[in-house]
């Protein structure tokens, strides 16, 4: 099960009552924020431990009820395009079929999330499709993950977790 730690703006738009979740494994914990780009609402999700980001572009009000499914689909597409092992992708996205919504709890993650949003707004992302934009966002070296690319830190964490589980 994933925990989505949304900003007040996102939780209000999503029309969901946040649950009280204090401690949760960082592997399944994500922060999310709503932002406007070109007069369209977009939601960016950021993995707490690796800072991997997945952005859903042009979200309409009717799509909020399917937000967990949309997020898992975008995450799965990104993981497969980045060369993740298919078994790991299936196992991890299977965990994401259920989600809990709660409030944010990490200023560090929110700061990095704001940086990604700033980059997207400033560059206005000349890249074409959503997948390319998500890939590009995860190829920014971040200090919070020991100067690694977020996608590499995420891949490393998942491989470590699922390889240990299978032993």
N, C-alpha and C. Protein backbone atom coordinates (compact mmCIF):
# COMPACT_ATOMS: atom_id res chain seq x y z
N UNK A 1 0.84 -1.17 0.00
CA UNK A 1 0.00 0.00 0.00
C UNK A 1 0.89 1.24 0.00
N UNK A 2 0.55 2.21 -0.84
CA UNK A 2 1.29 3.46 -0.90
C UNK A 2 0.63 4.49 0.03
N UNK A 3 1.44 5.34 0.60
CA UNK A 3 0.94 6.49 1.34
C UNK A 3 1.26 7.72 0.51
N UNK A 4 0.24 8.47 0.15
CA UNK A 4 0.41 9.71 -0.61
C UNK A 4 0.25 10.86 0.37
N UNK A 5 1.33 11.58 0.57
CA UNK A 5 1.33 12.72 1.49
C UNK A 5 1.11 13.98 0.66
N UNK A 6 -0.16 14.38 0.57
CA UNK A 6 -0.52 15.49 -0.30
C UNK A 6 -0.54 16.82 0.41
N UNK A 7 -0.32 17.88 -0.35
CA UNK A 7 -0.46 19.23 0.19
C UNK A 7 -1.95 19.50 0.42
N UNK A 8 -2.23 20.52 1.22
CA UNK A 8 -3.63 20.87 1.49
C UNK A 8 -4.36 21.20 0.19
N UNK A 9 -3.69 21.88 -0.71
CA UNK A 9 -4.29 22.27 -1.99
C UNK A 9 -4.70 21.02 -2.78
N UNK A 10 -3.84 20.02 -2.81
CA UNK A 10 -4.15 18.79 -3.54
C UNK A 10 -5.26 18.01 -2.86
N UNK A 11 -5.18 17.85 -1.54
CA UNK A 11 -6.19 17.08 -0.81
C UNK A 11 -7.57 17.72 -0.96
N UNK A 12 -7.63 19.05 -0.97
CA UNK A 12 -8.90 19.75 -1.15
C UNK A 12 -9.46 19.49 -2.56
N UNK A 13 -8.60 19.58 -3.55
CA UNK A 13 -9.02 19.35 -4.94
C UNK A 13 -9.42 17.89 -5.16
N UNK A 14 -8.68 16.98 -4.53
CA UNK A 14 -8.93 15.54 -4.63
C UNK A 14 -10.21 15.17 -3.90
N UNK A 15 -10.63 16.03 -2.98
CA UNK A 15 -11.84 15.84 -2.18
C UNK A 15 -11.76 14.53 -1.39
N UNK A 16 -10.66 14.40 -0.66
CA UNK A 16 -10.45 13.20 0.14
C UNK A 16 -10.05 13.62 1.55
N UNK A 17 -10.54 12.90 2.52
CA UNK A 17 -10.22 13.20 3.92
C UNK A 17 -8.90 12.53 4.28
N UNK A 18 -7.90 13.31 4.69
CA UNK A 18 -6.60 12.71 5.02
C UNK A 18 -6.67 11.87 6.29
N UNK A 19 -6.00 10.74 6.26
CA UNK A 19 -5.91 9.87 7.43
C UNK A 19 -4.66 10.23 8.21
N UNK A 20 -4.63 9.84 9.48
CA UNK A 20 -3.46 10.09 10.31
C UNK A 20 -2.50 8.91 10.16
N UNK A 21 -1.40 9.11 9.44
CA UNK A 21 -0.38 8.08 9.24
C UNK A 21 0.95 8.69 9.64
N UNK A 22 1.51 8.24 10.75
CA UNK A 22 2.76 8.83 11.23
C UNK A 22 3.98 8.12 10.66
N UNK A 23 4.06 6.83 10.87
CA UNK A 23 5.24 6.08 10.46
C UNK A 23 4.84 5.09 9.37
N UNK A 24 5.60 5.10 8.29
CA UNK A 24 5.33 4.20 7.17
C UNK A 24 6.65 3.93 6.46
N UNK A 25 6.83 2.74 5.89
CA UNK A 25 8.11 2.45 5.22
C UNK A 25 8.39 3.47 4.11
N UNK A 26 9.60 4.03 4.09
CA UNK A 26 9.92 5.05 3.09
C UNK A 26 9.82 4.54 1.65
N UNK A 27 9.92 3.23 1.46
CA UNK A 27 9.85 2.68 0.11
C UNK A 27 8.46 2.89 -0.51
N UNK A 28 7.43 2.96 0.32
CA UNK A 28 6.06 3.10 -0.19
C UNK A 28 5.46 4.47 0.13
N UNK A 29 6.29 5.42 0.48
CA UNK A 29 5.81 6.74 0.86
C UNK A 29 6.14 7.77 -0.23
N UNK A 30 5.12 8.51 -0.64
CA UNK A 30 5.24 9.52 -1.70
C UNK A 30 4.64 10.83 -1.23
N UNK A 31 5.21 11.95 -1.64
CA UNK A 31 4.62 13.26 -1.44
C UNK A 31 4.02 13.71 -2.77
N UNK A 32 3.00 14.56 -2.71
CA UNK A 32 2.36 15.02 -3.95
C UNK A 32 1.94 16.48 -3.80
N UNK A 33 1.97 17.18 -4.92
CA UNK A 33 1.59 18.59 -4.94
C UNK A 33 0.88 18.90 -6.25
N UNK A 34 -0.03 19.83 -6.18
CA UNK A 34 -0.79 20.30 -7.33
C UNK A 34 -0.20 21.63 -7.79
N UNK A 35 -0.01 21.79 -9.10
CA UNK A 35 0.49 23.07 -9.61
C UNK A 35 -0.11 23.34 -10.98
N UNK A 36 -0.09 24.61 -11.35
CA UNK A 36 -0.61 25.03 -12.65
C UNK A 36 0.54 25.27 -13.61
N UNK A 37 0.38 24.77 -14.83
CA UNK A 37 1.35 25.02 -15.89
C UNK A 37 0.54 25.19 -17.18
N UNK A 38 0.68 26.33 -17.81
CA UNK A 38 -0.09 26.64 -19.02
C UNK A 38 -1.59 26.53 -18.77
N UNK A 39 -2.03 27.03 -17.64
CA UNK A 39 -3.43 27.05 -17.22
C UNK A 39 -4.04 25.65 -17.09
N UNK A 40 -3.22 24.67 -16.89
CA UNK A 40 -3.70 23.30 -16.68
C UNK A 40 -3.21 22.81 -15.33
N UNK A 41 -4.06 22.03 -14.66
CA UNK A 41 -3.68 21.48 -13.37
C UNK A 41 -2.83 20.23 -13.59
N UNK A 42 -1.76 20.15 -12.84
CA UNK A 42 -0.83 19.02 -12.92
C UNK A 42 -0.53 18.57 -11.51
N UNK A 43 -0.25 17.30 -11.35
CA UNK A 43 0.11 16.77 -10.04
C UNK A 43 1.46 16.10 -10.17
N UNK A 44 2.37 16.49 -9.28
CA UNK A 44 3.68 15.86 -9.26
C UNK A 44 3.79 15.04 -7.97
N UNK A 45 4.17 13.77 -8.13
CA UNK A 45 4.39 12.85 -7.02
C UNK A 45 5.90 12.69 -6.86
N UNK A 46 6.37 12.64 -5.62
CA UNK A 46 7.80 12.46 -5.39
C UNK A 46 8.02 11.39 -4.33
N UNK A 47 8.84 10.40 -4.68
CA UNK A 47 9.18 9.32 -3.77
C UNK A 47 10.04 9.88 -2.64
N UNK A 48 9.68 9.56 -1.40
CA UNK A 48 10.36 10.16 -0.25
C UNK A 48 11.84 9.82 -0.18
N UNK A 49 12.20 8.57 -0.39
CA UNK A 49 13.59 8.15 -0.19
C UNK A 49 14.50 8.50 -1.37
N UNK A 50 14.03 8.33 -2.60
CA UNK A 50 14.90 8.50 -3.76
C UNK A 50 14.69 9.82 -4.51
N UNK A 51 13.61 10.50 -4.21
CA UNK A 51 13.22 11.75 -4.88
C UNK A 51 12.83 11.56 -6.35
N UNK A 52 12.50 10.32 -6.73
CA UNK A 52 11.97 10.07 -8.07
C UNK A 52 10.65 10.83 -8.19
N UNK A 53 10.44 11.50 -9.31
CA UNK A 53 9.19 12.24 -9.49
C UNK A 53 8.42 11.71 -10.69
N UNK A 54 7.11 11.70 -10.53
CA UNK A 54 6.19 11.31 -11.59
C UNK A 54 5.14 12.41 -11.67
N UNK A 55 4.99 13.00 -12.84
CA UNK A 55 4.04 14.10 -13.01
C UNK A 55 2.88 13.65 -13.89
N UNK A 56 1.68 13.95 -13.44
CA UNK A 56 0.47 13.74 -14.24
C UNK A 56 0.06 15.10 -14.77
N UNK A 57 0.02 15.23 -16.07
CA UNK A 57 -0.23 16.52 -16.71
C UNK A 57 -1.69 16.65 -17.13
N UNK A 58 -2.24 17.86 -16.99
CA UNK A 58 -3.58 18.17 -17.48
C UNK A 58 -4.68 17.38 -16.80
N UNK A 59 -4.66 17.31 -15.48
CA UNK A 59 -5.66 16.54 -14.74
C UNK A 59 -6.96 17.34 -14.66
N UNK A 60 -8.05 16.67 -14.98
CA UNK A 60 -9.38 17.29 -14.91
C UNK A 60 -10.10 16.78 -13.65
N UNK A 61 -11.09 17.52 -13.22
CA UNK A 61 -11.82 17.21 -11.98
C UNK A 61 -12.35 15.77 -11.97
N UNK A 62 -12.87 15.30 -13.08
CA UNK A 62 -13.44 13.95 -13.14
C UNK A 62 -12.38 12.86 -12.96
N UNK A 63 -11.11 13.19 -13.21
CA UNK A 63 -10.05 12.19 -13.11
C UNK A 63 -9.56 11.95 -11.69
N UNK A 64 -9.94 12.81 -10.76
CA UNK A 64 -9.44 12.67 -9.39
C UNK A 64 -9.87 11.37 -8.74
N UNK A 65 -11.06 10.87 -9.10
CA UNK A 65 -11.50 9.61 -8.49
C UNK A 65 -10.64 8.43 -8.98
N UNK A 66 -9.98 8.59 -10.12
CA UNK A 66 -9.09 7.55 -10.65
C UNK A 66 -7.61 7.88 -10.44
N UNK A 67 -7.33 8.83 -9.55
CA UNK A 67 -5.96 9.28 -9.35
C UNK A 67 -4.99 8.16 -9.00
N UNK A 68 -5.33 7.23 -8.09
CA UNK A 68 -4.39 6.14 -7.80
C UNK A 68 -4.04 5.32 -9.03
N UNK A 69 -5.02 5.02 -9.86
CA UNK A 69 -4.79 4.23 -11.07
C UNK A 69 -3.93 5.00 -12.06
N UNK A 70 -4.22 6.28 -12.24
CA UNK A 70 -3.43 7.11 -13.15
C UNK A 70 -1.98 7.20 -12.70
N UNK A 71 -1.78 7.36 -11.39
CA UNK A 71 -0.42 7.44 -10.85
C UNK A 71 0.34 6.14 -11.06
N UNK A 72 -0.29 5.02 -10.75
CA UNK A 72 0.39 3.72 -10.89
C UNK A 72 0.71 3.45 -12.36
N UNK A 73 -0.19 3.81 -13.28
CA UNK A 73 0.08 3.63 -14.72
C UNK A 73 1.28 4.46 -15.16
N UNK A 74 1.32 5.72 -14.74
CA UNK A 74 2.44 6.60 -15.12
C UNK A 74 3.75 6.11 -14.51
N UNK A 75 3.69 5.65 -13.26
CA UNK A 75 4.88 5.13 -12.59
C UNK A 75 5.39 3.88 -13.29
N UNK A 76 4.47 2.98 -13.64
CA UNK A 76 4.85 1.74 -14.32
C UNK A 76 5.49 2.04 -15.67
N UNK A 77 4.89 2.96 -16.42
CA UNK A 77 5.42 3.34 -17.73
C UNK A 77 6.83 3.92 -17.59
N UNK A 78 7.03 4.77 -16.59
CA UNK A 78 8.35 5.37 -16.36
C UNK A 78 9.37 4.30 -15.98
N UNK A 79 8.99 3.41 -15.08
CA UNK A 79 9.92 2.36 -14.62
C UNK A 79 10.34 1.45 -15.78
N UNK A 80 9.39 1.05 -16.60
CA UNK A 80 9.71 0.17 -17.73
C UNK A 80 10.59 0.89 -18.75
N UNK A 81 10.33 2.17 -18.98
CA UNK A 81 11.13 2.93 -19.95
C UNK A 81 12.56 3.15 -19.45
N UNK A 82 12.75 3.10 -18.14
CA UNK A 82 14.08 3.30 -17.56
C UNK A 82 14.83 1.98 -17.37
N UNK A 83 14.25 0.88 -17.82
CA UNK A 83 14.94 -0.40 -17.79
C UNK A 83 14.87 -1.15 -16.48
N UNK A 84 13.85 -0.91 -15.67
CA UNK A 84 13.66 -1.66 -14.44
C UNK A 84 13.28 -3.10 -14.78
N UNK A 85 13.65 -4.02 -13.93
CA UNK A 85 13.27 -5.42 -14.08
C UNK A 85 11.75 -5.53 -14.04
N UNK A 86 11.16 -6.27 -14.98
CA UNK A 86 9.69 -6.35 -15.07
C UNK A 86 9.05 -6.95 -13.83
N UNK A 87 9.72 -7.93 -13.22
CA UNK A 87 9.16 -8.54 -12.00
C UNK A 87 9.11 -7.53 -10.86
N UNK A 88 10.15 -6.72 -10.76
CA UNK A 88 10.18 -5.69 -9.71
C UNK A 88 9.10 -4.64 -9.99
N UNK A 89 8.94 -4.26 -11.24
CA UNK A 89 7.90 -3.28 -11.61
C UNK A 89 6.53 -3.82 -11.23
N UNK A 90 6.25 -5.06 -11.58
CA UNK A 90 4.95 -5.66 -11.26
C UNK A 90 4.73 -5.73 -9.75
N UNK A 91 5.74 -6.18 -9.03
CA UNK A 91 5.61 -6.32 -7.57
C UNK A 91 5.36 -4.96 -6.92
N UNK A 92 6.13 -3.96 -7.33
CA UNK A 92 6.01 -2.64 -6.70
C UNK A 92 4.68 -1.97 -7.07
N UNK A 93 4.30 -2.02 -8.33
CA UNK A 93 3.05 -1.37 -8.73
C UNK A 93 1.83 -2.11 -8.17
N UNK A 94 1.98 -3.40 -7.91
CA UNK A 94 0.90 -4.15 -7.27
C UNK A 94 0.63 -3.61 -5.87
N UNK A 95 1.71 -3.23 -5.17
CA UNK A 95 1.56 -2.63 -3.84
C UNK A 95 0.82 -1.30 -3.92
N UNK A 96 0.94 -0.61 -5.04
CA UNK A 96 0.33 0.70 -5.20
C UNK A 96 -1.13 0.67 -5.58
N UNK A 97 -1.71 -0.50 -5.72
CA UNK A 97 -3.14 -0.59 -6.08
C UNK A 97 -4.01 0.04 -4.99
N UNK A 98 -3.52 0.00 -3.75
CA UNK A 98 -4.24 0.63 -2.64
C UNK A 98 -3.41 1.80 -2.15
N UNK A 99 -4.10 2.89 -1.83
CA UNK A 99 -3.40 4.09 -1.37
C UNK A 99 -4.13 4.72 -0.20
N UNK A 100 -3.33 5.30 0.68
CA UNK A 100 -3.84 6.11 1.77
C UNK A 100 -3.42 7.55 1.50
N UNK A 101 -4.27 8.48 1.80
CA UNK A 101 -3.93 9.90 1.64
C UNK A 101 -3.76 10.50 3.02
N UNK A 102 -2.70 11.26 3.18
CA UNK A 102 -2.45 11.95 4.44
C UNK A 102 -1.76 13.28 4.14
N UNK A 103 -1.43 14.01 5.17
CA UNK A 103 -0.79 15.31 4.98
C UNK A 103 0.72 15.17 4.91
N UNK A 104 1.37 16.20 4.40
CA UNK A 104 2.83 16.17 4.23
C UNK A 104 3.51 16.15 5.59
N UNK A 105 4.74 15.59 5.61
CA UNK A 105 5.47 15.53 6.87
C UNK A 105 6.97 15.79 6.71
N UNK A 106 7.43 16.14 5.53
CA UNK A 106 8.86 16.32 5.32
C UNK A 106 9.14 17.61 4.54
N UNK A 107 9.78 18.55 5.21
CA UNK A 107 10.14 19.80 4.53
C UNK A 107 11.19 19.56 3.45
N UNK A 108 12.05 18.57 3.68
CA UNK A 108 13.10 18.25 2.71
C UNK A 108 12.49 17.78 1.39
N UNK A 109 11.55 16.85 1.47
CA UNK A 109 10.91 16.33 0.26
C UNK A 109 10.11 17.45 -0.42
N UNK A 110 9.41 18.25 0.37
CA UNK A 110 8.61 19.34 -0.22
C UNK A 110 9.51 20.36 -0.90
N UNK A 111 10.69 20.61 -0.35
CA UNK A 111 11.63 21.53 -0.99
C UNK A 111 12.09 21.01 -2.33
N UNK A 112 12.41 19.72 -2.39
CA UNK A 112 12.83 19.11 -3.66
C UNK A 112 11.67 19.09 -4.66
N UNK A 113 10.48 18.83 -4.16
CA UNK A 113 9.28 18.85 -4.99
C UNK A 113 9.08 20.23 -5.61
N UNK A 114 9.26 21.27 -4.81
CA UNK A 114 9.14 22.64 -5.31
C UNK A 114 10.20 22.95 -6.36
N UNK A 115 11.41 22.40 -6.18
CA UNK A 115 12.47 22.59 -7.18
C UNK A 115 12.08 22.01 -8.53
N UNK A 116 11.52 20.80 -8.51
CA UNK A 116 11.10 20.14 -9.75
C UNK A 116 10.00 20.96 -10.43
N UNK A 117 9.05 21.45 -9.64
CA UNK A 117 7.98 22.28 -10.19
C UNK A 117 8.56 23.56 -10.79
N UNK A 118 9.50 24.17 -10.09
CA UNK A 118 10.15 25.39 -10.59
C UNK A 118 10.83 25.12 -11.93
N UNK A 119 11.56 24.02 -12.02
CA UNK A 119 12.25 23.67 -13.27
C UNK A 119 11.24 23.48 -14.40
N UNK A 120 10.15 22.76 -14.11
CA UNK A 120 9.14 22.53 -15.15
C UNK A 120 8.51 23.84 -15.62
N UNK A 121 8.25 24.74 -14.69
CA UNK A 121 7.64 26.02 -15.06
C UNK A 121 8.61 26.90 -15.84
N UNK A 122 9.86 26.94 -15.41
CA UNK A 122 10.83 27.81 -16.06
C UNK A 122 11.20 27.33 -17.46
N UNK A 123 11.39 26.04 -17.60
CA UNK A 123 11.76 25.50 -18.90
C UNK A 123 10.56 25.28 -19.79
N UNK A 124 9.39 25.23 -19.16
CA UNK A 124 8.13 24.94 -19.85
C UNK A 124 8.27 23.69 -20.70
N UNK A 125 9.21 22.88 -20.32
CA UNK A 125 9.39 21.53 -20.85
C UNK A 125 9.18 21.44 -22.35
N UNK A 126 10.23 21.72 -23.07
CA UNK A 126 10.17 21.65 -24.53
C UNK A 126 10.00 20.23 -25.04
N UNK A 127 10.29 19.25 -24.19
CA UNK A 127 10.16 17.85 -24.61
C UNK A 127 8.71 17.55 -24.95
N UNK A 128 8.52 16.54 -25.79
CA UNK A 128 7.20 16.23 -26.30
C UNK A 128 6.25 15.58 -25.32
N UNK A 129 6.33 14.29 -25.18
CA UNK A 129 5.31 13.55 -24.43
C UNK A 129 5.58 13.58 -22.92
N UNK A 130 4.58 13.16 -22.17
CA UNK A 130 4.67 13.14 -20.71
C UNK A 130 5.80 12.25 -20.23
N UNK A 131 5.99 11.11 -20.88
CA UNK A 131 7.04 10.18 -20.47
C UNK A 131 8.41 10.84 -20.58
N UNK A 132 8.65 11.55 -21.67
CA UNK A 132 9.94 12.24 -21.85
C UNK A 132 10.15 13.30 -20.77
N UNK A 133 9.08 14.00 -20.41
CA UNK A 133 9.18 15.02 -19.37
C UNK A 133 9.53 14.37 -18.03
N UNK A 134 8.87 13.25 -17.72
CA UNK A 134 9.17 12.55 -16.47
C UNK A 134 10.60 12.00 -16.47
N UNK A 135 11.04 11.47 -17.59
CA UNK A 135 12.42 10.96 -17.67
C UNK A 135 13.41 12.10 -17.46
N UNK A 136 13.15 13.23 -18.09
CA UNK A 136 14.04 14.37 -17.98
C UNK A 136 14.13 14.86 -16.54
N UNK A 137 12.98 14.94 -15.86
CA UNK A 137 12.95 15.40 -14.46
C UNK A 137 13.76 14.50 -13.54
N UNK A 138 13.87 13.23 -13.88
CA UNK A 138 14.59 12.29 -13.03
C UNK A 138 16.05 12.13 -13.42
N UNK A 139 16.51 12.99 -14.30
CA UNK A 139 17.92 13.02 -14.69
C UNK A 139 18.59 14.30 -14.20
N UNK A 140 18.11 14.81 -13.09
CA UNK A 140 18.72 15.96 -12.43
C UNK A 140 19.41 15.43 -11.18
N UNK A 141 20.71 15.67 -11.06
CA UNK A 141 21.46 15.18 -9.90
C UNK A 141 21.02 15.95 -8.66
N UNK A 142 20.72 15.21 -7.59
CA UNK A 142 20.25 15.84 -6.36
C UNK A 142 21.17 15.52 -5.19
N UNK A 143 21.42 16.52 -4.37
CA UNK A 143 22.27 16.34 -3.19
C UNK A 143 21.60 15.42 -2.17
N UNK A 144 20.28 15.50 -2.05
CA UNK A 144 19.56 14.73 -1.03
C UNK A 144 19.68 13.23 -1.22
N UNK A 145 20.07 12.78 -2.40
CA UNK A 145 20.28 11.35 -2.64
C UNK A 145 21.74 11.10 -3.03
N UNK A 146 22.65 11.71 -2.26
CA UNK A 146 24.10 11.53 -2.44
C UNK A 146 24.56 11.80 -3.87
N UNK A 147 24.07 12.87 -4.44
CA UNK A 147 24.46 13.31 -5.78
C UNK A 147 24.26 12.22 -6.83
N UNK A 148 23.13 11.54 -6.74
CA UNK A 148 22.73 10.53 -7.72
C UNK A 148 21.54 11.06 -8.50
N UNK A 149 21.28 10.40 -9.62
CA UNK A 149 20.03 10.64 -10.31
C UNK A 149 18.93 9.96 -9.49
N UNK A 150 17.77 10.61 -9.33
CA UNK A 150 16.68 9.98 -8.57
C UNK A 150 16.27 8.62 -9.13
N UNK A 151 16.27 8.47 -10.45
CA UNK A 151 15.86 7.19 -11.04
C UNK A 151 16.83 6.08 -10.65
N UNK A 152 18.13 6.39 -10.57
CA UNK A 152 19.11 5.39 -10.16
C UNK A 152 18.98 5.03 -8.69
N UNK A 153 18.72 6.04 -7.85
CA UNK A 153 18.53 5.79 -6.42
C UNK A 153 17.29 4.93 -6.18
N UNK A 154 16.22 5.20 -6.94
CA UNK A 154 14.98 4.44 -6.82
C UNK A 154 15.18 3.00 -7.26
N UNK A 155 15.86 2.82 -8.39
CA UNK A 155 16.13 1.48 -8.91
C UNK A 155 16.96 0.68 -7.90
N UNK A 156 17.96 1.31 -7.35
CA UNK A 156 18.83 0.66 -6.37
C UNK A 156 18.04 0.23 -5.13
N UNK A 157 17.18 1.10 -4.63
CA UNK A 157 16.37 0.79 -3.44
C UNK A 157 15.41 -0.36 -3.71
N UNK A 158 14.76 -0.36 -4.87
CA UNK A 158 13.82 -1.44 -5.19
C UNK A 158 14.54 -2.77 -5.40
N UNK A 159 15.67 -2.74 -6.10
CA UNK A 159 16.42 -3.98 -6.32
C UNK A 159 16.89 -4.56 -5.00
N UNK A 160 17.36 -3.71 -4.11
CA UNK A 160 17.82 -4.16 -2.80
C UNK A 160 16.65 -4.77 -2.02
N UNK A 161 15.51 -4.10 -2.03
CA UNK A 161 14.34 -4.57 -1.29
C UNK A 161 13.81 -5.90 -1.82
N UNK A 162 13.62 -5.99 -3.13
CA UNK A 162 13.01 -7.19 -3.70
C UNK A 162 13.98 -8.35 -3.82
N UNK A 163 15.26 -8.09 -3.97
CA UNK A 163 16.25 -9.18 -4.01
C UNK A 163 16.38 -9.81 -2.62
N UNK A 164 16.35 -8.99 -1.57
CA UNK A 164 16.42 -9.52 -0.21
C UNK A 164 15.18 -10.33 0.12
N UNK A 165 14.03 -9.88 -0.39
CA UNK A 165 12.78 -10.57 -0.13
C UNK A 165 12.77 -11.97 -0.77
N UNK A 166 13.39 -12.10 -1.93
CA UNK A 166 13.39 -13.37 -2.65
C UNK A 166 14.41 -14.37 -2.13
N UNK A 167 15.36 -13.92 -1.30
CA UNK A 167 16.42 -14.81 -0.82
C UNK A 167 15.89 -15.78 0.19
